[in-house]
């Protein structure tokens, strides 16, 4: 309730993946598709957990490739490519850890 006695509408929780407004049930981390709208389920979109795992796997592969590069024999193009790849992988992992701002802020 507000100071003037009116109630403020609570925002609908929406889809846990695409933020479509509506009530799609409780988000249960043990159930991969819980909290998703029917469109996301029908499209077989990956869940946030699946996306996070994919980002970590790709980042690990990029880091392994960069570690395998011999700095003594690498060409400038190879160094630039691997440094760019490691930078993008690190950015992707850090974005997973960044707080997600609510819509409308």
N, C-alpha and C. Protein backbone atom coordinates (compact mmCIF):
# COMPACT_ATOMS: atom_id res chain seq x y z
N UNK A 1 0.83 -1.18 0.00
CA UNK A 1 0.00 0.00 0.00
C UNK A 1 0.87 1.24 0.00
N UNK A 2 0.36 2.26 -0.66
CA UNK A 2 1.06 3.54 -0.68
C UNK A 2 0.55 4.41 0.46
N UNK A 3 1.14 5.60 0.60
CA UNK A 3 0.75 6.50 1.68
C UNK A 3 -0.69 6.99 1.55
N UNK A 4 -1.22 7.06 0.31
CA UNK A 4 -2.59 7.54 0.13
C UNK A 4 -3.61 6.42 0.21
N UNK A 5 -3.21 5.24 0.58
CA UNK A 5 -4.14 4.14 0.79
C UNK A 5 -4.38 3.26 -0.42
N UNK A 6 -3.78 3.59 -1.54
CA UNK A 6 -3.96 2.77 -2.74
C UNK A 6 -2.92 1.66 -2.78
N UNK A 7 -3.30 0.61 -3.42
CA UNK A 7 -2.34 -0.48 -3.58
C UNK A 7 -1.64 -0.32 -4.91
N UNK A 8 -0.39 -0.70 -4.93
CA UNK A 8 0.36 -0.67 -6.19
C UNK A 8 0.38 -2.07 -6.76
N UNK A 9 0.14 -2.20 -8.05
CA UNK A 9 0.12 -3.55 -8.64
C UNK A 9 1.51 -4.17 -8.61
N UNK A 10 1.56 -5.41 -8.24
CA UNK A 10 2.83 -6.13 -8.23
C UNK A 10 3.13 -6.59 -9.66
N UNK A 11 4.36 -6.41 -10.10
CA UNK A 11 4.68 -6.83 -11.46
C UNK A 11 4.60 -8.35 -11.59
N UNK A 12 4.09 -8.80 -12.73
CA UNK A 12 4.00 -10.23 -12.98
C UNK A 12 5.41 -10.78 -13.14
N UNK A 13 5.63 -11.98 -12.65
CA UNK A 13 6.99 -12.52 -12.70
C UNK A 13 7.48 -12.74 -14.13
N UNK A 14 6.64 -13.19 -15.01
CA UNK A 14 7.04 -13.40 -16.39
C UNK A 14 7.89 -14.64 -16.60
N UNK A 15 8.23 -14.85 -17.86
CA UNK A 15 9.05 -15.99 -18.25
C UNK A 15 10.47 -15.80 -17.72
N UNK A 16 11.04 -16.84 -17.18
CA UNK A 16 12.39 -16.77 -16.62
C UNK A 16 13.45 -16.59 -17.68
N UNK A 17 13.13 -16.81 -18.94
CA UNK A 17 14.13 -16.71 -20.00
C UNK A 17 13.93 -15.48 -20.89
N UNK A 18 12.72 -15.27 -21.38
CA UNK A 18 12.50 -14.16 -22.33
C UNK A 18 11.76 -12.99 -21.71
N UNK A 19 11.35 -13.09 -20.46
CA UNK A 19 10.67 -12.03 -19.71
C UNK A 19 9.29 -11.68 -20.26
N UNK A 20 8.65 -12.60 -20.97
CA UNK A 20 7.28 -12.39 -21.41
C UNK A 20 6.39 -12.30 -20.17
N UNK A 21 5.55 -11.26 -20.07
CA UNK A 21 4.72 -11.12 -18.88
C UNK A 21 3.74 -12.29 -18.74
N UNK A 22 3.48 -12.65 -17.52
CA UNK A 22 2.54 -13.72 -17.23
C UNK A 22 3.03 -14.56 -16.07
N UNK A 23 2.21 -15.47 -15.64
CA UNK A 23 2.57 -16.37 -14.55
C UNK A 23 2.80 -17.75 -15.14
N UNK A 24 4.04 -18.18 -15.19
CA UNK A 24 4.39 -19.47 -15.78
C UNK A 24 4.88 -20.46 -14.74
N UNK A 25 4.50 -20.22 -13.50
CA UNK A 25 4.87 -21.15 -12.44
C UNK A 25 6.17 -20.77 -11.77
N UNK A 26 6.45 -21.48 -10.70
CA UNK A 26 7.64 -21.25 -9.89
C UNK A 26 8.88 -21.74 -10.60
N UNK A 27 9.97 -21.00 -10.50
CA UNK A 27 11.25 -21.40 -11.09
C UNK A 27 11.94 -22.36 -10.14
N UNK A 28 12.09 -23.61 -10.56
CA UNK A 28 12.75 -24.64 -9.76
C UNK A 28 14.03 -25.05 -10.48
N UNK A 29 15.21 -24.76 -9.90
CA UNK A 29 16.46 -25.10 -10.57
C UNK A 29 16.61 -26.59 -10.88
N UNK A 30 15.89 -27.45 -10.17
CA UNK A 30 15.97 -28.88 -10.41
C UNK A 30 15.20 -29.31 -11.66
N UNK A 31 14.25 -28.46 -12.10
CA UNK A 31 13.44 -28.75 -13.29
C UNK A 31 13.86 -27.76 -14.37
N UNK A 32 14.55 -28.21 -15.42
CA UNK A 32 15.14 -27.29 -16.39
C UNK A 32 14.17 -26.33 -17.07
N UNK A 33 12.95 -26.71 -17.35
CA UNK A 33 12.02 -25.85 -18.08
C UNK A 33 10.98 -25.16 -17.18
N UNK A 34 11.14 -25.23 -15.88
CA UNK A 34 10.18 -24.58 -15.00
C UNK A 34 10.32 -23.06 -15.09
N UNK A 35 9.19 -22.36 -15.03
CA UNK A 35 9.18 -20.92 -15.08
C UNK A 35 9.28 -20.35 -16.48
N UNK A 36 9.26 -21.20 -17.51
CA UNK A 36 9.36 -20.72 -18.89
C UNK A 36 7.98 -20.66 -19.53
N UNK A 37 7.81 -19.71 -20.46
CA UNK A 37 6.55 -19.57 -21.17
C UNK A 37 6.42 -20.70 -22.20
N UNK A 38 5.22 -20.98 -22.68
CA UNK A 38 5.04 -22.05 -23.67
C UNK A 38 5.84 -21.83 -24.96
N UNK A 39 6.04 -20.56 -25.36
CA UNK A 39 6.81 -20.29 -26.58
C UNK A 39 8.27 -20.71 -26.42
N UNK A 40 8.85 -20.44 -25.26
CA UNK A 40 10.25 -20.84 -25.03
C UNK A 40 10.37 -22.36 -24.94
N UNK A 41 9.38 -23.00 -24.32
CA UNK A 41 9.41 -24.46 -24.23
C UNK A 41 9.27 -25.07 -25.61
N UNK A 42 8.35 -24.55 -26.43
CA UNK A 42 8.13 -25.07 -27.79
C UNK A 42 9.35 -24.84 -28.67
N UNK A 43 10.05 -23.73 -28.47
CA UNK A 43 11.23 -23.42 -29.27
C UNK A 43 12.46 -24.17 -28.78
N UNK A 44 12.31 -24.88 -27.67
CA UNK A 44 13.42 -25.64 -27.06
C UNK A 44 14.62 -24.74 -26.81
N UNK A 45 14.34 -23.52 -26.35
CA UNK A 45 15.42 -22.59 -26.03
C UNK A 45 16.20 -23.14 -24.84
N UNK A 46 17.51 -22.91 -24.84
CA UNK A 46 18.29 -23.38 -23.70
C UNK A 46 17.96 -22.59 -22.44
N UNK A 47 18.07 -23.22 -21.32
CA UNK A 47 17.82 -22.54 -20.05
C UNK A 47 19.04 -21.71 -19.68
N UNK A 48 18.90 -20.84 -18.70
CA UNK A 48 20.03 -20.01 -18.25
C UNK A 48 21.18 -20.90 -17.78
N UNK A 49 20.86 -21.97 -17.08
CA UNK A 49 21.91 -22.88 -16.63
C UNK A 49 22.67 -23.46 -17.81
N UNK A 50 21.95 -23.83 -18.86
CA UNK A 50 22.59 -24.37 -20.05
C UNK A 50 23.46 -23.34 -20.75
N UNK A 51 22.98 -22.10 -20.80
CA UNK A 51 23.77 -21.03 -21.40
C UNK A 51 25.04 -20.77 -20.60
N UNK A 52 24.91 -20.77 -19.28
CA UNK A 52 26.09 -20.55 -18.43
C UNK A 52 27.12 -21.64 -18.64
N UNK A 53 26.67 -22.89 -18.70
CA UNK A 53 27.60 -23.99 -18.92
C UNK A 53 28.29 -23.86 -20.27
N UNK A 54 27.55 -23.45 -21.30
CA UNK A 54 28.14 -23.29 -22.63
C UNK A 54 29.20 -22.19 -22.63
N UNK A 55 28.93 -21.07 -21.96
CA UNK A 55 29.90 -19.98 -21.89
C UNK A 55 31.17 -20.44 -21.19
N UNK A 56 31.03 -21.16 -20.12
CA UNK A 56 32.19 -21.63 -19.37
C UNK A 56 33.00 -22.63 -20.19
N UNK A 57 32.33 -23.51 -20.92
CA UNK A 57 33.03 -24.49 -21.76
C UNK A 57 33.83 -23.79 -22.86
N UNK A 58 33.18 -22.85 -23.55
CA UNK A 58 33.87 -22.12 -24.63
C UNK A 58 35.03 -21.31 -24.07
N UNK A 59 34.84 -20.67 -22.93
CA UNK A 59 35.92 -19.89 -22.32
C UNK A 59 37.09 -20.79 -21.95
N UNK A 60 36.80 -21.96 -21.43
CA UNK A 60 37.86 -22.90 -21.08
C UNK A 60 38.62 -23.38 -22.30
N UNK A 61 37.91 -23.63 -23.39
CA UNK A 61 38.57 -24.06 -24.63
C UNK A 61 39.45 -22.94 -25.18
N UNK A 62 38.97 -21.72 -25.14
CA UNK A 62 39.76 -20.58 -25.62
C UNK A 62 41.01 -20.39 -24.79
N UNK A 63 40.89 -20.52 -23.50
CA UNK A 63 42.04 -20.38 -22.61
C UNK A 63 43.04 -21.50 -22.85
N UNK A 64 42.56 -22.73 -23.05
CA UNK A 64 43.46 -23.86 -23.32
C UNK A 64 44.22 -23.64 -24.62
N UNK A 65 43.54 -23.12 -25.64
CA UNK A 65 44.21 -22.86 -26.92
C UNK A 65 45.26 -21.76 -26.77
N UNK A 66 44.94 -20.73 -25.99
CA UNK A 66 45.90 -19.65 -25.77
C UNK A 66 47.09 -20.13 -24.96
N UNK A 67 46.87 -21.01 -24.00
CA UNK A 67 47.98 -21.54 -23.19
C UNK A 67 48.89 -22.44 -24.02
N UNK A 68 48.33 -23.10 -25.02
CA UNK A 68 49.12 -24.00 -25.85
C UNK A 68 49.98 -23.24 -26.86
N UNK A 69 49.69 -21.95 -27.06
CA UNK A 69 50.44 -21.15 -28.03
C UNK A 69 51.84 -20.87 -27.51
N UNK A 70 52.83 -21.13 -28.34
CA UNK A 70 54.22 -20.85 -27.98
C UNK A 70 54.51 -19.38 -28.27
N UNK A 71 54.75 -18.60 -27.25
CA UNK A 71 54.98 -17.17 -27.43
C UNK A 71 56.26 -16.89 -28.21
N UNK A 72 57.23 -17.78 -28.11
CA UNK A 72 58.51 -17.56 -28.80
C UNK A 72 58.38 -17.70 -30.31
N UNK A 73 57.46 -18.55 -30.77
CA UNK A 73 57.34 -18.79 -32.21
C UNK A 73 56.04 -18.26 -32.82
N UNK A 74 55.20 -17.63 -32.02
CA UNK A 74 53.90 -17.15 -32.52
C UNK A 74 54.08 -15.90 -33.37
N UNK A 75 53.30 -15.82 -34.42
CA UNK A 75 53.29 -14.62 -35.26
C UNK A 75 52.45 -13.55 -34.58
N UNK A 76 52.62 -12.30 -34.96
CA UNK A 76 51.78 -11.25 -34.36
C UNK A 76 50.29 -11.49 -34.57
N UNK A 77 49.92 -12.06 -35.73
CA UNK A 77 48.51 -12.35 -35.99
C UNK A 77 47.97 -13.40 -35.02
N UNK A 78 48.79 -14.43 -34.75
CA UNK A 78 48.36 -15.47 -33.80
C UNK A 78 48.20 -14.89 -32.40
N UNK A 79 49.15 -14.04 -32.00
CA UNK A 79 49.05 -13.42 -30.67
C UNK A 79 47.80 -12.55 -30.57
N UNK A 80 47.54 -11.75 -31.59
CA UNK A 80 46.37 -10.88 -31.57
C UNK A 80 45.09 -11.70 -31.53
N UNK A 81 45.03 -12.78 -32.31
CA UNK A 81 43.84 -13.62 -32.33
C UNK A 81 43.59 -14.24 -30.95
N UNK A 82 44.63 -14.83 -30.37
CA UNK A 82 44.44 -15.51 -29.08
C UNK A 82 44.15 -14.52 -27.95
N UNK A 83 44.78 -13.36 -27.97
CA UNK A 83 44.48 -12.36 -26.94
C UNK A 83 43.03 -11.88 -27.07
N UNK A 84 42.57 -11.66 -28.30
CA UNK A 84 41.18 -11.26 -28.52
C UNK A 84 40.21 -12.33 -28.06
N UNK A 85 40.53 -13.58 -28.33
CA UNK A 85 39.67 -14.69 -27.93
C UNK A 85 39.59 -14.80 -26.41
N UNK A 86 40.72 -14.68 -25.75
CA UNK A 86 40.73 -14.75 -24.28
C UNK A 86 39.95 -13.57 -23.70
N UNK A 87 40.10 -12.39 -24.28
CA UNK A 87 39.37 -11.21 -23.80
C UNK A 87 37.86 -11.42 -23.93
N UNK A 88 37.40 -11.92 -25.08
CA UNK A 88 35.96 -12.15 -25.27
C UNK A 88 35.45 -13.22 -24.31
N UNK A 89 36.24 -14.26 -24.09
CA UNK A 89 35.82 -15.32 -23.17
C UNK A 89 35.72 -14.80 -21.75
N UNK A 90 36.70 -14.01 -21.34
CA UNK A 90 36.68 -13.44 -20.00
C UNK A 90 35.49 -12.50 -19.83
N UNK A 91 35.20 -11.69 -20.85
CA UNK A 91 34.05 -10.79 -20.79
C UNK A 91 32.75 -11.59 -20.65
N UNK A 92 32.64 -12.69 -21.40
CA UNK A 92 31.42 -13.50 -21.34
C UNK A 92 31.23 -14.10 -19.95
N UNK A 93 32.32 -14.58 -19.35
CA UNK A 93 32.22 -15.17 -18.01
C UNK A 93 31.88 -14.09 -16.99
N UNK A 94 32.49 -12.92 -17.11
CA UNK A 94 32.19 -11.84 -16.16
C UNK A 94 30.75 -11.36 -16.29
N UNK A 95 30.19 -11.40 -17.50
CA UNK A 95 28.79 -11.01 -17.68
C UNK A 95 27.85 -11.98 -16.98
N UNK A 96 28.27 -13.23 -16.84
CA UNK A 96 27.45 -14.19 -16.10
C UNK A 96 27.38 -13.81 -14.63
N UNK A 97 28.46 -13.23 -14.12
CA UNK A 97 28.53 -12.89 -12.70
C UNK A 97 27.94 -11.52 -12.40
N UNK A 98 27.75 -10.68 -13.42
CA UNK A 98 27.24 -9.32 -13.22
C UNK A 98 25.79 -9.39 -12.76
N UNK A 99 25.40 -8.48 -11.89
CA UNK A 99 23.99 -8.46 -11.48
C UNK A 99 23.10 -8.08 -12.64
N UNK A 100 21.96 -8.74 -12.72
CA UNK A 100 20.99 -8.47 -13.78
C UNK A 100 20.05 -7.39 -13.28
N UNK A 101 19.97 -6.28 -14.02
CA UNK A 101 19.08 -5.19 -13.62
C UNK A 101 17.65 -5.53 -14.02
N UNK A 102 16.70 -5.11 -13.20
CA UNK A 102 15.30 -5.36 -13.49
C UNK A 102 14.84 -4.48 -14.64
N UNK A 103 13.89 -4.96 -15.40
CA UNK A 103 13.34 -4.18 -16.53
C UNK A 103 12.63 -2.95 -15.97
N UNK A 104 12.77 -1.84 -16.67
CA UNK A 104 12.08 -0.63 -16.26
C UNK A 104 12.87 0.25 -15.32
N UNK A 105 14.08 -0.10 -15.05
CA UNK A 105 14.90 0.73 -14.16
C UNK A 105 15.73 1.67 -14.95
